[in-house]
């Protein structure tokens, strides 16, 4: 499966339930210095996000990047 397809599949699952167990979503301290959520795309790629202010049907996407290496999304 191409990376774009994996990302699309993850976003589809996030739309249905951003905390669904297969997404392995958990709280993290992002490289931006604040706490947000991390959702797994593959073994290294993560989406960093948080719920929108109204916490209903909106997520704020902050970053997509690696779990480690030079483009890591964690502090």
PDB file of N, CA and C in Angstrom:
ATOM      1  N   UNK A   1       0.854  -1.175   0.000  1.00  0.00           N
ATOM      2  CA  UNK A   1       0.000   0.000   0.000  1.00  0.00           C
ATOM      3  C   UNK A   1       0.902   1.242   0.000  1.00  0.00           C
ATOM      4  N   UNK A   2       0.576   2.195  -0.812  1.00  0.00           N
ATOM      5  CA  UNK A   2       1.325   3.450  -0.886  1.00  0.00           C
ATOM      6  C   UNK A   2       1.106   4.275   0.380  1.00  0.00           C
ATOM      7  N   UNK A   3       2.071   5.123   0.700  1.00  0.00           N
ATOM      8  CA  UNK A   3       1.998   5.943   1.902  1.00  0.00           C
ATOM      9  C   UNK A   3       0.746   6.823   1.910  1.00  0.00           C
ATOM     10  N   UNK A   4       0.416   7.404   0.759  1.00  0.00           N
ATOM     11  CA  UNK A   4      -0.774   8.253   0.684  1.00  0.00           C
ATOM     12  C   UNK A   4      -2.032   7.472   1.060  1.00  0.00           C
ATOM     13  N   UNK A   5      -2.106   6.218   0.639  1.00  0.00           N
ATOM     14  CA  UNK A   5      -3.262   5.383   0.958  1.00  0.00           C
ATOM     15  C   UNK A   5      -3.311   5.073   2.454  1.00  0.00           C
ATOM     16  N   UNK A   6      -2.144   4.826   3.056  1.00  0.00           N
ATOM     17  CA  UNK A   6      -2.098   4.573   4.499  1.00  0.00           C
ATOM     18  C   UNK A   6      -2.564   5.793   5.277  1.00  0.00           C
ATOM     19  N   UNK A   7      -2.087   6.968   4.867  1.00  0.00           N
ATOM     20  CA  UNK A   7      -2.488   8.202   5.545  1.00  0.00           C
ATOM     21  C   UNK A   7      -3.994   8.418   5.406  1.00  0.00           C
ATOM     22  N   UNK A   8      -4.513   8.208   4.217  1.00  0.00           N
ATOM     23  CA  UNK A   8      -5.953   8.366   3.993  1.00  0.00           C
ATOM     24  C   UNK A   8      -6.749   7.399   4.860  1.00  0.00           C
ATOM     25  N   UNK A   9      -6.287   6.165   4.971  1.00  0.00           N
ATOM     26  CA  UNK A   9      -6.972   5.166   5.789  1.00  0.00           C
ATOM     27  C   UNK A   9      -6.981   5.590   7.259  1.00  0.00           C
ATOM     28  N   UNK A  10      -5.851   6.115   7.748  1.00  0.00           N
ATOM     29  CA  UNK A  10      -5.777   6.590   9.129  1.00  0.00           C
ATOM     30  C   UNK A  10      -6.730   7.766   9.336  1.00  0.00           C
ATOM     31  N   UNK A  11      -6.746   8.721   8.412  1.00  0.00           N
ATOM     32  CA  UNK A  11      -7.669   9.858   8.543  1.00  0.00           C
ATOM     33  C   UNK A  11      -9.129   9.382   8.547  1.00  0.00           C
ATOM     34  N   UNK A  12      -9.461   8.400   7.713  1.00  0.00           N
ATOM     35  CA  UNK A  12     -10.826   7.859   7.714  1.00  0.00           C
ATOM     36  C   UNK A  12     -11.185   7.285   9.079  1.00  0.00           C
ATOM     37  N   UNK A  13     -10.250   6.549   9.684  1.00  0.00           N
ATOM     38  CA  UNK A  13     -10.493   5.993  11.014  1.00  0.00           C
ATOM     39  C   UNK A  13     -10.599   7.105  12.053  1.00  0.00           C
ATOM     40  N   UNK A  14      -9.759   8.134  11.919  1.00  0.00           N
ATOM     41  CA  UNK A  14      -9.805   9.248  12.867  1.00  0.00           C
ATOM     42  C   UNK A  14     -11.128   9.991  12.786  1.00  0.00           C
ATOM     43  N   UNK A  15     -11.686  10.102  11.597  1.00  0.00           N
ATOM     44  CA  UNK A  15     -12.984  10.766  11.430  1.00  0.00           C
ATOM     45  C   UNK A  15     -14.060   9.990  12.189  1.00  0.00           C
ATOM     46  N   UNK A  16     -14.003   8.668  12.090  1.00  0.00           N
ATOM     47  CA  UNK A  16     -14.993   7.829  12.772  1.00  0.00           C
ATOM     48  C   UNK A  16     -14.787   7.828  14.285  1.00  0.00           C
ATOM     49  N   UNK A  17     -13.521   7.686  14.728  1.00  0.00           N
ATOM     50  CA  UNK A  17     -13.208   7.643  16.161  1.00  0.00           C
ATOM     51  C   UNK A  17     -11.715   7.867  16.338  1.00  0.00           C
ATOM     52  N   UNK A  18     -11.290   9.094  16.679  1.00  0.00           N
ATOM     53  CA  UNK A  18      -9.861   9.391  16.771  1.00  0.00           C
ATOM     54  C   UNK A  18      -9.134   8.633  17.871  1.00  0.00           C
ATOM     55  N   UNK A  19      -9.880   8.032  18.789  1.00  0.00           N
ATOM     56  CA  UNK A  19      -9.256   7.273  19.866  1.00  0.00           C
ATOM     57  C   UNK A  19      -9.395   5.765  19.673  1.00  0.00           C
ATOM     58  N   UNK A  20      -9.790   5.350  18.484  1.00  0.00           N
ATOM     59  CA  UNK A  20      -9.960   3.928  18.176  1.00  0.00           C
ATOM     60  C   UNK A  20      -8.639   3.198  18.422  1.00  0.00           C
ATOM     61  N   UNK A  21      -8.705   2.053  19.045  1.00  0.00           N
ATOM     62  CA  UNK A  21      -7.517   1.366  19.556  1.00  0.00           C
ATOM     63  C   UNK A  21      -6.468   1.027  18.497  1.00  0.00           C
ATOM     64  N   UNK A  22      -6.871   0.707  17.284  1.00  0.00           N
ATOM     65  CA  UNK A  22      -5.891   0.333  16.253  1.00  0.00           C
ATOM     66  C   UNK A  22      -5.025   1.512  15.814  1.00  0.00           C
ATOM     67  N   UNK A  23      -5.464   2.747  16.109  1.00  0.00           N
ATOM     68  CA  UNK A  23      -4.684   3.939  15.760  1.00  0.00           C
ATOM     69  C   UNK A  23      -3.536   4.183  16.740  1.00  0.00           C
ATOM     70  N   UNK A  24      -3.585   3.522  17.895  1.00  0.00           N
ATOM     71  CA  UNK A  24      -2.562   3.674  18.935  1.00  0.00           C
ATOM     72  C   UNK A  24      -2.360   5.144  19.322  1.00  0.00           C
ATOM     73  N   UNK A  25      -3.470   5.864  19.399  1.00  0.00           N
ATOM     74  CA  UNK A  25      -3.445   7.279  19.772  1.00  0.00           C
ATOM     75  C   UNK A  25      -3.104   7.411  21.248  1.00  0.00           C
ATOM     76  N   UNK A  26      -2.225   8.367  21.551  1.00  0.00           N
ATOM     77  CA  UNK A  26      -1.847   8.624  22.935  1.00  0.00           C
ATOM     78  C   UNK A  26      -1.352  10.064  23.073  1.00  0.00           C
ATOM     79  N   UNK A  27      -1.367  10.544  24.310  1.00  0.00           N
ATOM     80  CA  UNK A  27      -0.899  11.902  24.595  1.00  0.00           C
ATOM     81  C   UNK A  27       0.623  11.940  24.534  1.00  0.00           C
ATOM     82  N   UNK A  28       1.164  13.029  23.981  1.00  0.00           N
ATOM     83  CA  UNK A  28       2.615  13.233  23.893  1.00  0.00           C
ATOM     84  C   UNK A  28       2.931  14.709  24.104  1.00  0.00           C
ATOM     85  N   UNK A  29       4.187  14.984  24.372  1.00  0.00           N
ATOM     86  CA  UNK A  29       4.672  16.365  24.357  1.00  0.00           C
ATOM     87  C   UNK A  29       5.316  16.537  22.987  1.00  0.00           C
ATOM     88  N   UNK A  30       4.721  17.382  22.159  1.00  0.00           N
ATOM     89  CA  UNK A  30       5.205  17.575  20.792  1.00  0.00           C
ATOM     90  C   UNK A  30       6.441  18.451  20.772  1.00  0.00           C
ATOM     91  N   UNK A  31       7.063  18.548  19.621  1.00  0.00           N
ATOM     92  CA  UNK A  31       8.227  19.418  19.470  1.00  0.00           C
ATOM     93  C   UNK A  31       7.851  20.890  19.614  1.00  0.00           C
ATOM     94  N   UNK A  32       6.540  21.181  19.608  1.00  0.00           N
ATOM     95  CA  UNK A  32       6.065  22.552  19.778  1.00  0.00           C
ATOM     96  C   UNK A  32       6.015  22.944  21.250  1.00  0.00           C
ATOM     97  N   UNK A  33       6.247  21.971  22.139  1.00  0.00           N
ATOM     98  CA  UNK A  33       6.324  22.260  23.559  1.00  0.00           C
ATOM     99  C   UNK A  33       5.028  22.118  24.327  1.00  0.00           C
ATOM    100  N   UNK A  34       3.961  21.676  23.699  1.00  0.00           N
ATOM    101  CA  UNK A  34       2.708  21.485  24.406  1.00  0.00           C
ATOM    102  C   UNK A  34       2.219  20.055  24.226  1.00  0.00           C
ATOM    103  N   UNK A  35       1.319  19.648  25.108  1.00  0.00           N
ATOM    104  CA  UNK A  35       0.776  18.306  25.050  1.00  0.00           C
ATOM    105  C   UNK A  35      -0.285  18.214  23.966  1.00  0.00           C
ATOM    106  N   UNK A  36      -0.241  17.155  23.194  1.00  0.00           N
ATOM    107  CA  UNK A  36      -1.222  16.906  22.134  1.00  0.00           C
ATOM    108  C   UNK A  36      -1.333  15.399  21.968  1.00  0.00           C
ATOM    109  N   UNK A  37      -1.988  14.958  20.907  1.00  0.00           N
ATOM    110  CA  UNK A  37      -2.142  13.529  20.649  1.00  0.00           C
ATOM    111  C   UNK A  37      -1.229  13.104  19.502  1.00  0.00           C
ATOM    112  N   UNK A  38      -0.790  11.852  19.561  1.00  0.00           N
ATOM    113  CA  UNK A  38      -0.019  11.241  18.487  1.00  0.00           C
ATOM    114  C   UNK A  38      -0.784  10.026  18.004  1.00  0.00           C
ATOM    115  N   UNK A  39      -0.954   9.917  16.691  1.00  0.00           N
ATOM    116  CA  UNK A  39      -1.613   8.766  16.084  1.00  0.00           C
ATOM    117  C   UNK A  39      -0.652   8.134  15.095  1.00  0.00           C
ATOM    118  N   UNK A  40      -0.563   6.816  15.129  1.00  0.00           N
ATOM    119  CA  UNK A  40       0.390   6.056  14.330  1.00  0.00           C
ATOM    120  C   UNK A  40      -0.105   5.863  12.898  1.00  0.00           C
ATOM    121  N   UNK A  41       0.761   6.159  11.921  1.00  0.00           N
ATOM    122  CA  UNK A  41       0.479   5.846  10.515  1.00  0.00           C
ATOM    123  C   UNK A  41       1.164   4.534  10.141  1.00  0.00           C
ATOM    124  N   UNK A  42       2.449   4.436  10.477  1.00  0.00           N
ATOM    125  CA  UNK A  42       3.199   3.189  10.278  1.00  0.00           C
ATOM    126  C   UNK A  42       4.237   3.086  11.387  1.00  0.00           C
ATOM    127  N   UNK A  43       5.224   2.226  11.241  1.00  0.00           N
ATOM    128  CA  UNK A  43       6.172   2.005  12.331  1.00  0.00           C
ATOM    129  C   UNK A  43       6.937   3.261  12.738  1.00  0.00           C
ATOM    130  N   UNK A  44       7.122   4.222  11.841  1.00  0.00           N
ATOM    131  CA  UNK A  44       7.853   5.432  12.192  1.00  0.00           C
ATOM    132  C   UNK A  44       7.050   6.718  12.032  1.00  0.00           C
ATOM    133  N   UNK A  45       6.046   6.751  11.207  1.00  0.00           N
ATOM    134  CA  UNK A  45       5.344   7.994  10.880  1.00  0.00           C
ATOM    135  C   UNK A  45       4.174   8.241  11.823  1.00  0.00           C
ATOM    136  N   UNK A  46       4.082   9.498  12.328  1.00  0.00           N
ATOM    137  CA  UNK A  46       3.037   9.875  13.271  1.00  0.00           C
ATOM    138  C   UNK A  46       2.319  11.151  12.826  1.00  0.00           C
ATOM    139  N   UNK A  47       1.062  11.265  13.252  1.00  0.00           N
ATOM    140  CA  UNK A  47       0.283  12.494  13.084  1.00  0.00           C
ATOM    141  C   UNK A  47       0.155  13.109  14.469  1.00  0.00           C
ATOM    142  N   UNK A  48       0.508  14.381  14.594  1.00  0.00           N
ATOM    143  CA  UNK A  48       0.364  15.096  15.861  1.00  0.00           C
ATOM    144  C   UNK A  48      -0.849  16.019  15.727  1.00  0.00           C
ATOM    145  N   UNK A  49      -1.778  15.916  16.672  1.00  0.00           N
ATOM    146  CA  UNK A  49      -3.044  16.630  16.554  1.00  0.00           C
ATOM    147  C   UNK A  49      -3.653  16.852  17.938  1.00  0.00           C
ATOM    148  N   UNK A  50      -4.728  17.621  17.973  1.00  0.00           N
ATOM    149  CA  UNK A  50      -5.531  17.789  19.189  1.00  0.00           C
ATOM    150  C   UNK A  50      -6.969  18.052  18.765  1.00  0.00           C
ATOM    151  N   UNK A  51      -7.866  17.880  19.703  1.00  0.00           N
ATOM    152  CA  UNK A  51      -9.262  18.189  19.431  1.00  0.00           C
ATOM    153  C   UNK A  51      -9.423  19.686  19.241  1.00  0.00           C
ATOM    154  N   UNK A  52     -10.341  20.089  18.361  1.00  0.00           N
ATOM    155  CA  UNK A  52     -10.656  21.503  18.187  1.00  0.00           C
ATOM    156  C   UNK A  52     -11.286  22.062  19.450  1.00  0.00           C
ATOM    157  N   UNK A  53     -11.444  23.350  19.512  1.00  0.00           N
ATOM    158  CA  UNK A  53     -11.952  23.992  20.727  1.00  0.00           C
ATOM    159  C   UNK A  53     -13.314  23.477  21.157  1.00  0.00           C
ATOM    160  N   UNK A  54     -14.188  23.183  20.203  1.00  0.00           N
ATOM    161  CA  UNK A  54     -15.520  22.706  20.592  1.00  0.00           C
ATOM    162  C   UNK A  54     -15.530  21.212  20.881  1.00  0.00           C
ATOM    163  N   UNK A  55     -14.424  20.522  20.630  1.00  0.00           N
ATOM    164  CA  UNK A  55     -14.243  19.089  20.895  1.00  0.00           C
ATOM    165  C   UNK A  55     -15.264  18.206  20.178  1.00  0.00           C
ATOM    166  N   UNK A  56     -15.923  18.750  19.169  1.00  0.00           N
ATOM    167  CA  UNK A  56     -16.907  17.966  18.424  1.00  0.00           C
ATOM    168  C   UNK A  56     -16.571  18.028  16.942  1.00  0.00           C
ATOM    169  N   UNK A  57     -16.231  16.894  16.359  1.00  0.00           N
ATOM    170  CA  UNK A  57     -16.037  16.737  14.913  1.00  0.00           C
ATOM    171  C   UNK A  57     -14.907  17.561  14.306  1.00  0.00           C
ATOM    172  N   UNK A  58     -14.031  18.122  15.121  1.00  0.00           N
ATOM    173  CA  UNK A  58     -12.940  18.915  14.564  1.00  0.00           C
ATOM    174  C   UNK A  58     -11.650  18.520  15.262  1.00  0.00           C
ATOM    175  N   UNK A  59     -10.612  18.291  14.459  1.00  0.00           N
ATOM    176  CA  UNK A  59      -9.288  18.112  15.035  1.00  0.00           C
ATOM    177  C   UNK A  59      -8.353  19.134  14.404  1.00  0.00           C
ATOM    178  N   UNK A  60      -7.423  19.581  15.190  1.00  0.00           N
ATOM    179  CA  UNK A  60      -6.392  20.501  14.705  1.00  0.00           C
ATOM    180  C   UNK A  60      -5.144  19.676  14.416  1.00  0.00           C
ATOM    181  N   UNK A  61      -4.723  19.656  13.173  1.00  0.00           N
ATOM    182  CA  UNK A  61      -3.541  18.916  12.757  1.00  0.00           C
ATOM    183  C   UNK A  61      -2.321  19.818  12.906  1.00  0.00           C
ATOM    184  N   UNK A  62      -1.320  19.366  13.663  1.00  0.00           N
ATOM    185  CA  UNK A  62      -0.131  20.167  13.904  1.00  0.00           C
ATOM    186  C   UNK A  62       1.063  19.729  13.067  1.00  0.00           C
ATOM    187  N   UNK A  63       1.211  18.410  12.854  1.00  0.00           N
ATOM    188  CA  UNK A  63       2.416  17.938  12.180  1.00  0.00           C
ATOM    189  C   UNK A  63       2.251  16.494  11.752  1.00  0.00           C
ATOM    190  N   UNK A  64       2.978  16.105  10.730  1.00  0.00           N
ATOM    191  CA  UNK A  64       3.145  14.707  10.338  1.00  0.00           C
ATOM    192  C   UNK A  64       4.635  14.506  10.193  1.00  0.00           C
ATOM    193  N   UNK A  65       5.162  13.516  10.883  1.00  0.00           N
ATOM    194  CA  UNK A  65       6.594  13.288  10.811  1.00  0.00           C
ATOM    195  C   UNK A  65       6.988  12.004  11.496  1.00  0.00           C
ATOM    196  N   UNK A  66       8.277  11.849  11.682  1.00  0.00           N
ATOM    197  CA  UNK A  66       8.814  10.615  12.205  1.00  0.00           C
ATOM    198  C   UNK A  66       8.758  10.494  13.714  1.00  0.00           C
ATOM    199  N   UNK A  67       8.810   9.260  14.157  1.00  0.00           N
ATOM    200  CA  UNK A  67       8.889   8.942  15.570  1.00  0.00           C
ATOM    201  C   UNK A  67      10.296   9.209  16.072  1.00  0.00           C
ATOM    202  N   UNK A  68      11.256   9.097  15.163  1.00  0.00           N
ATOM    203  CA  UNK A  68      12.660   9.327  15.512  1.00  0.00           C
ATOM    204  C   UNK A  68      13.359   9.937  14.285  1.00  0.00           C
ATOM    205  N   UNK A  69      14.638  10.194  14.397  1.00  0.00           N
ATOM    206  CA  UNK A  69      15.399  10.720  13.287  1.00  0.00           C
ATOM    207  C   UNK A  69      15.321  12.228  13.180  1.00  0.00           C
ATOM    208  N   UNK A  70      15.734  12.743  12.031  1.00  0.00           N
ATOM    209  CA  UNK A  70      15.853  14.199  11.867  1.00  0.00           C
ATOM    210  C   UNK A  70      14.518  14.905  11.701  1.00  0.00           C
ATOM    211  N   UNK A  71      13.451  14.191  11.343  1.00  0.00           N
ATOM    212  CA  UNK A  71      12.133  14.821  11.183  1.00  0.00           C
ATOM    213  C   UNK A  71      11.161  14.355  12.260  1.00  0.00           C
ATOM    214  N   UNK A  72      11.677  14.059  13.458  1.00  0.00           N
ATOM    215  CA  UNK A  72      10.822  13.563  14.522  1.00  0.00           C
ATOM    216  C   UNK A  72       9.868  14.644  15.006  1.00  0.00           C
ATOM    217  N   UNK A  73       8.721  14.212  15.469  1.00  0.00           N
ATOM    218  CA  UNK A  73       7.670  15.126  15.901  1.00  0.00           C
ATOM    219  C   UNK A  73       7.578  15.240  17.425  1.00  0.00           C
ATOM    220  N   UNK A  74       8.450  14.510  18.128  1.00  0.00           N
ATOM    221  CA  UNK A  74       8.480  14.559  19.592  1.00  0.00           C
ATOM    222  C   UNK A  74       9.636  15.396  20.064  1.00  0.00           C
ATOM    223  N   UNK A  75       9.547  15.871  21.312  1.00  0.00           N
ATOM    224  CA  UNK A  75      10.647  16.617  21.925  1.00  0.00           C
ATOM    225  C   UNK A  75      11.751  15.674  22.298  1.00  0.00           C
TER     226      UNK A  75
END
